[in-house]
Amino acid sequence: MKLKEFRLRFRAWQNKSINYTVKKKGVHHCANCGHDFEGNLCPICGQSVGDGRITWKWLAYSFINIWTGDSRSLPYSIFQLMLRPGHFIGEYISGHRQVSSPPVNMLFGIAVIYAIIMHLFGIEPEPFTAKDSDLKVFITAINWLNNNPGWGAIAMTIFLTIPTWFLFRYSPRHPRHTIPEGISIQVFMSSLMLICLLFKAIHPAFIFLIPLYYYITYRQLFGYNFWGTSWRLMACFVVWAYAFIMLVVATILLKIPEMDNSFSVGKIIIMYILYFLTLIIPIAAVLFIGLWICKRGERRREQKTQ
């Protein structure tokens, strides 16, 4: 098969939504409540048509499906998330809940797998150190997140929720997505980040998978072209990086009044006001300019369709 033909078939598979089919046609007798029904699930108690006597196949299936529910198994969800991430997440936030293990469950399931693999291969995260005692609290927090990958992944991605909401607000696909949907998107991205970190543990060069997966996911999910996805995603990461740097600055500012007794209450208040203005104004400028550009893009698309 030629490479171009394979790529086209793979993209067609990525764009294809998951269809549900009846496992066994005809009338079935529920082994749990005794009700006769048609379809895959009993309408009375919800038990699957295939549930009956325990067999080796059922036993293997129950171990594989960490969170049961037909296609809601963790291996199936990881497979979909890695090969068609944007389409998979888009289906979930659009209401196709049965296609996926719940995102939070998936994240902590992957975190457990991550911890087990790291332990089996004797790979331990390198602790962060700092000579400056003023950063002790900050470094302690970073090391805790590093040793707790599930929470660490959420902490690193959840701050992208607001920038994503602003800069992809008027996207061709999934326009006007809500903040709760944005949180779900970032929880899925946390799972992808953990998977990428597993590859990074094999070789540091695999760190490139994190920005690559963000680009692929956002392009599939929101439907912008290469440049439209790239500049919006870069703006999201700029806002995230700036907020992270300002968080480090905050840990230093908190120590200044203790080190310098000459600081009066008025000076402290002015210092904190200037800090919040320095934090908020650049972030707000980037987000609202991006929102204005996105709104104009939506108007142009509407004019073309009229």
Protein backbone atom coordinates (compact mmCIF):
# COMPACT_ATOMS: atom_id res chain seq x y z
CA MET A 1 0.00 0.00 0.00
CA LYS A 2 1.35 3.44 -0.95
CA LEU A 3 2.10 5.92 1.82
CA LYS A 4 -0.35 8.50 0.45
CA GLU A 5 -3.15 5.92 0.25
CA PHE A 6 -2.43 4.77 3.81
CA ARG A 7 -2.51 8.37 5.06
CA LEU A 8 -5.85 9.03 3.37
CA ARG A 9 -7.38 5.84 4.78
CA PHE A 10 -6.03 6.63 8.24
CA ARG A 11 -7.50 10.16 8.17
CA ALA A 12 -10.83 8.77 6.98
CA TRP A 13 -10.79 6.36 9.94
CA GLN A 14 -9.97 9.24 12.32
CA ASN A 15 -12.92 11.30 11.05
CA LYS A 16 -15.35 8.40 11.24
CA SER A 17 -17.59 8.50 14.29
CA ILE A 18 -18.12 5.41 16.39
CA ASN A 19 -21.29 3.52 15.48
CA TYR A 20 -23.13 1.21 17.84
CA THR A 21 -24.51 -2.06 16.50
CA VAL A 22 -26.72 -4.73 18.03
CA LYS A 23 -24.53 -7.61 19.19
CA LYS A 24 -27.14 -10.31 18.77
CA LYS A 25 -30.43 -9.69 17.01
CA GLY A 26 -33.70 -11.08 18.28
CA VAL A 27 -35.31 -11.36 21.70
CA HIS A 28 -32.99 -11.97 24.66
CA HIS A 29 -33.65 -13.17 28.19
CA CYS A 30 -31.92 -11.15 30.91
CA ALA A 31 -29.97 -13.42 33.24
CA ASN A 32 -30.24 -10.83 36.02
CA CYS A 33 -33.91 -9.77 36.20
CA GLY A 34 -35.55 -12.25 33.81
CA HIS A 35 -36.93 -9.60 31.45
CA ASP A 36 -37.21 -10.38 27.72
CA PHE A 37 -35.82 -7.58 25.52
CA GLU A 38 -34.27 -6.64 22.18
CA GLY A 39 -30.96 -4.81 21.79
CA ASN A 40 -27.67 -4.79 23.68
CA LEU A 41 -28.83 -3.83 27.18
CA CYS A 42 -31.75 -4.83 29.36
CA PRO A 43 -34.09 -1.80 29.71
CA ILE A 44 -35.03 -2.83 33.25
CA CYS A 45 -31.70 -3.41 35.00
CA GLY A 46 -29.15 -2.35 32.35
CA GLN A 47 -27.26 -5.66 32.21
CA SER A 48 -25.54 -6.50 28.91
CA VAL A 49 -26.91 -9.20 26.65
CA GLY A 50 -23.62 -11.08 26.87
CA ASP A 51 -23.59 -11.33 30.68
CA GLY A 52 -24.39 -14.83 31.87
CA ARG A 53 -22.24 -17.74 32.96
CA ILE A 54 -18.66 -16.81 33.82
CA THR A 55 -16.27 -18.04 31.14
CA TRP A 56 -12.54 -17.58 30.47
CA LYS A 57 -13.42 -14.95 27.88
CA TRP A 58 -15.57 -13.05 30.36
CA LEU A 59 -12.82 -13.27 33.00
CA ALA A 60 -10.19 -11.90 30.61
CA TYR A 61 -12.59 -9.16 29.49
CA SER A 62 -13.29 -8.12 33.07
CA PHE A 63 -9.57 -7.70 33.77
CA ILE A 64 -8.96 -5.73 30.58
CA ASN A 65 -11.94 -3.44 31.14
CA ILE A 66 -10.74 -1.62 34.22
CA TRP A 67 -13.90 0.49 34.11
CA THR A 68 -16.53 -1.65 32.45
CA GLY A 69 -19.30 -0.54 30.13
CA ASP A 70 -18.84 -1.96 26.65
CA SER A 71 -16.48 0.45 24.83
CA ARG A 72 -15.69 2.39 28.01
CA SER A 73 -12.67 0.26 28.88
CA LEU A 74 -9.41 2.01 29.66
CA PRO A 75 -7.34 0.24 26.93
CA TYR A 76 -9.94 1.13 24.28
CA SER A 77 -10.07 4.75 25.45
CA ILE A 78 -6.27 5.08 25.42
CA PHE A 79 -6.17 3.58 21.92
CA GLN A 80 -8.71 6.14 20.66
CA LEU A 81 -7.03 9.01 22.53
CA MET A 82 -3.62 8.29 21.00
CA LEU A 83 -4.70 7.71 17.40
CA ARG A 84 -7.56 10.21 16.98
CA PRO A 85 -7.31 12.51 20.02
CA GLY A 86 -9.21 15.56 18.79
CA HIS A 87 -12.09 13.60 17.25
CA PHE A 88 -12.30 11.36 20.32
CA ILE A 89 -12.44 14.29 22.76
CA GLY A 90 -14.89 16.13 20.49
CA GLU A 91 -17.27 13.17 20.52
CA TYR A 92 -17.09 13.01 24.30
CA ILE A 93 -17.85 16.69 24.97
CA SER A 94 -20.64 16.54 22.34
CA GLY A 95 -22.49 13.97 24.41
CA HIS A 96 -21.14 10.62 23.19
CA ARG A 97 -20.28 9.53 26.73
CA GLN A 98 -20.28 5.79 26.02
CA VAL A 99 -17.26 6.05 23.72
CA SER A 100 -14.86 6.71 26.57
CA SER A 101 -13.86 5.91 30.07
CA PRO A 102 -14.62 9.06 32.15
CA PRO A 103 -11.67 11.46 31.72
CA VAL A 104 -10.80 11.71 35.43
CA ASN A 105 -10.94 7.91 35.84
CA MET A 106 -8.80 7.54 32.74
CA LEU A 107 -6.22 10.02 34.04
CA PHE A 108 -5.75 8.30 37.37
CA GLY A 109 -5.79 4.87 35.74
CA ILE A 110 -2.94 6.00 33.48
CA ALA A 111 -1.22 7.56 36.51
CA VAL A 112 -1.29 4.15 38.24
CA ILE A 113 0.12 2.47 35.12
CA TYR A 114 2.76 5.22 34.90
CA ALA A 115 3.81 4.71 38.53
CA ILE A 116 3.98 0.90 38.12
CA ILE A 117 6.11 1.09 34.96
CA MET A 118 8.44 3.68 36.48
CA HIS A 119 8.86 1.49 39.58
CA LEU A 120 9.45 -1.72 37.60
CA PHE A 121 12.18 -0.13 35.49
CA GLY A 122 13.69 1.70 38.46
CA ILE A 123 13.15 5.15 36.98
CA GLU A 124 12.80 7.88 39.57
CA PRO A 125 12.04 11.54 38.84
CA GLU A 126 14.99 13.83 39.40
CA PRO A 127 14.28 16.19 42.32
CA PHE A 128 14.47 19.94 41.79
CA THR A 129 16.89 21.82 44.00
CA ALA A 130 17.57 25.50 44.57
CA LYS A 131 20.30 27.30 46.49
CA ASP A 132 18.00 30.22 47.17
CA SER A 133 16.02 29.48 50.33
CA ASP A 134 13.31 31.91 49.20
CA LEU A 135 12.18 29.35 46.61
CA LYS A 136 11.99 26.49 49.11
CA VAL A 137 8.17 26.39 49.22
CA PHE A 138 7.93 26.58 45.43
CA ILE A 139 10.52 23.82 44.90
CA THR A 140 8.78 21.61 47.47
CA ALA A 141 5.50 21.98 45.58
CA ILE A 142 7.19 21.17 42.25
CA ASN A 143 8.79 18.04 43.70
CA TRP A 144 5.46 16.89 45.14
CA LEU A 145 3.76 17.30 41.76
CA ASN A 146 6.67 15.49 40.13
CA ASN A 147 6.22 12.54 42.50
CA ASN A 148 2.44 12.50 41.97
CA PRO A 149 2.10 12.39 38.18
CA GLY A 150 -1.70 12.39 38.08
CA TRP A 151 -2.04 15.60 40.06
CA GLY A 152 1.06 17.02 38.38
CA ALA A 153 -0.40 16.53 34.92
CA ILE A 154 -3.65 18.26 35.95
CA ALA A 155 -1.73 21.14 37.54
CA MET A 156 0.32 21.64 34.38
CA THR A 157 -2.63 21.56 31.97
CA ILE A 158 -5.60 22.97 33.86
CA PHE A 159 -4.25 26.54 33.50
CA LEU A 160 -4.69 26.18 29.73
CA THR A 161 -8.47 26.00 30.18
CA ILE A 162 -9.06 29.78 30.18
CA PRO A 163 -6.64 30.59 27.28
CA THR A 164 -8.20 27.78 25.24
CA TRP A 165 -11.69 29.09 26.01
CA PHE A 166 -10.75 32.58 24.77
CA LEU A 167 -8.61 31.73 21.74
CA PHE A 168 -10.70 28.81 20.40
CA ARG A 169 -14.05 30.27 21.40
CA TYR A 170 -15.31 30.75 17.83
CA SER A 171 -13.77 27.70 16.18
CA PRO A 172 -15.31 26.03 13.10
CA ARG A 173 -15.89 22.86 15.16
CA HIS A 174 -17.24 22.96 18.71
CA PRO A 175 -17.79 26.74 18.80
CA ARG A 176 -18.64 28.37 22.12
CA HIS A 177 -17.47 25.42 24.17
CA THR A 178 -18.05 25.96 27.88
CA ILE A 179 -15.57 26.18 30.75
CA PRO A 180 -16.63 22.74 32.12
CA GLU A 181 -16.07 21.29 28.65
CA GLY A 182 -12.69 23.03 28.59
CA ILE A 183 -11.76 21.40 31.89
CA SER A 184 -12.70 17.99 30.47
CA ILE A 185 -10.53 18.72 27.41
CA GLN A 186 -7.54 19.49 29.62
CA VAL A 187 -8.08 16.37 31.75
CA PHE A 188 -7.89 14.33 28.54
CA MET A 189 -4.74 16.26 27.61
CA SER A 190 -3.31 15.39 31.04
CA SER A 191 -3.72 11.71 30.17
CA LEU A 192 -1.92 12.28 26.88
CA MET A 193 0.84 14.14 28.70
CA LEU A 194 1.40 11.19 31.06
CA ILE A 195 1.60 8.82 28.09
CA CYS A 196 4.16 11.14 26.45
CA LEU A 197 6.16 11.26 29.69
CA LEU A 198 6.31 7.46 29.65
CA PHE A 199 7.93 7.66 26.21
CA LYS A 200 10.22 10.42 27.50
CA ALA A 201 11.38 8.04 30.26
CA ILE A 202 12.57 5.73 27.47
CA HIS A 203 14.47 8.54 25.74
CA PRO A 204 14.46 12.31 26.44
CA ALA A 205 13.96 13.06 22.73
CA PHE A 206 10.34 11.91 23.01
CA ILE A 207 9.53 15.14 24.87
CA PHE A 208 8.57 16.54 21.44
CA LEU A 209 5.42 14.37 21.61
CA ILE A 210 3.79 16.78 24.08
CA PRO A 211 3.63 19.86 21.77
CA LEU A 212 2.95 17.59 18.79
CA TYR A 213 -0.05 15.98 20.47
CA TYR A 214 -1.36 19.37 21.55
CA TYR A 215 -1.21 20.59 17.96
CA ILE A 216 -2.85 17.45 16.52
CA THR A 217 -5.56 17.40 19.18
CA TYR A 218 -6.44 21.08 18.89
CA ARG A 219 -6.49 20.96 15.10
CA GLN A 220 -8.79 17.93 15.02
CA LEU A 221 -10.95 19.23 17.85
CA PHE A 222 -11.47 22.85 16.77
CA GLY A 223 -11.04 22.60 13.00
CA TYR A 224 -8.63 25.48 12.28
CA ASN A 225 -5.94 25.11 9.61
CA PHE A 226 -2.21 24.81 10.30
CA TRP A 227 -1.53 28.51 10.95
CA GLY A 228 -4.82 29.12 12.72
CA THR A 229 -4.14 26.27 15.15
CA SER A 230 -0.44 27.09 15.56
CA TRP A 231 -0.67 30.76 16.54
CA ARG A 232 -3.59 30.20 18.89
CA LEU A 233 -1.84 27.30 20.57
CA MET A 234 1.40 29.30 20.86
CA ALA A 235 -0.56 32.16 22.46
CA CYS A 236 -2.07 29.69 24.95
CA PHE A 237 1.38 28.46 25.95
CA VAL A 238 2.75 32.03 26.17
CA VAL A 239 -0.02 32.93 28.61
CA TRP A 240 0.60 29.71 30.55
CA ALA A 241 4.37 30.30 30.71
CA TYR A 242 3.93 33.94 31.76
CA ALA A 243 1.52 32.95 34.55
CA PHE A 244 3.99 30.28 35.68
CA ILE A 245 6.86 32.80 35.80
CA MET A 246 4.72 35.26 37.73
CA LEU A 247 3.90 32.50 40.20
CA VAL A 248 7.63 32.13 40.87
CA VAL A 249 7.89 35.90 41.25
CA ALA A 250 5.05 35.80 43.79
CA THR A 251 6.97 33.38 46.00
CA ILE A 252 9.87 35.86 46.06
CA LEU A 253 7.68 38.92 46.72
CA LEU A 254 6.11 37.25 49.73
CA LYS A 255 9.55 37.06 51.36
CA ILE A 256 10.59 40.68 50.71
CA PRO A 257 8.73 42.27 53.68
CA GLU A 258 10.31 39.70 56.02
CA MET A 259 13.84 40.37 54.73
CA ASP A 260 13.55 44.16 54.60
CA ASN A 261 12.08 45.76 57.72
CA SER A 262 12.01 49.19 56.06
CA PHE A 263 8.97 48.16 54.00
CA SER A 264 5.91 49.98 55.31
CA VAL A 265 2.33 48.83 54.86
CA GLY A 266 1.84 51.37 52.09
CA LYS A 267 4.88 50.14 50.16
CA ILE A 268 3.72 46.53 50.51
CA ILE A 269 0.24 47.41 49.19
CA ILE A 270 1.72 49.33 46.23
CA MET A 271 4.07 46.41 45.49
CA TYR A 272 1.19 43.92 45.42
CA ILE A 273 -0.97 46.23 43.27
CA LEU A 274 1.85 46.61 40.74
CA TYR A 275 2.34 42.83 40.78
CA PHE A 276 -1.32 42.09 40.02
CA LEU A 277 -1.38 44.72 37.28
CA THR A 278 1.78 43.22 35.76
CA LEU A 279 0.15 39.79 35.94
CA ILE A 280 -3.31 40.66 34.65
CA ILE A 281 -2.77 43.34 31.97
CA PRO A 282 -0.48 41.35 29.58
CA ILE A 283 -2.58 38.19 29.93
CA ALA A 284 -5.85 40.07 29.40
CA ALA A 285 -4.39 41.89 26.37
CA VAL A 286 -3.33 38.63 24.67
CA LEU A 287 -6.62 36.88 25.43
CA PHE A 288 -8.97 39.68 24.36
CA ILE A 289 -7.01 40.50 21.20
CA GLY A 290 -7.10 36.78 20.33
CA LEU A 291 -10.83 36.67 21.10
CA TRP A 292 -11.43 39.67 18.82
CA ILE A 293 -9.48 38.03 15.97
CA CYS A 294 -11.41 34.76 16.44
CA LYS A 295 -14.74 36.62 16.43
CA ARG A 296 -13.81 38.34 13.16
CA GLY A 297 -12.90 34.96 11.68
CA GLU A 298 -16.31 33.59 12.60
CA ARG A 299 -18.05 36.55 10.94
CA ARG A 300 -16.07 35.99 7.73
CA ARG A 301 -17.08 32.31 7.72
CA GLU A 302 -20.72 33.27 8.20
CA GLN A 303 -20.52 35.73 5.32
CA LYS A 304 -19.08 33.06 3.01
CA THR A 305 -21.88 30.62 3.84
CA GLN A 306 -24.62 33.22 3.15
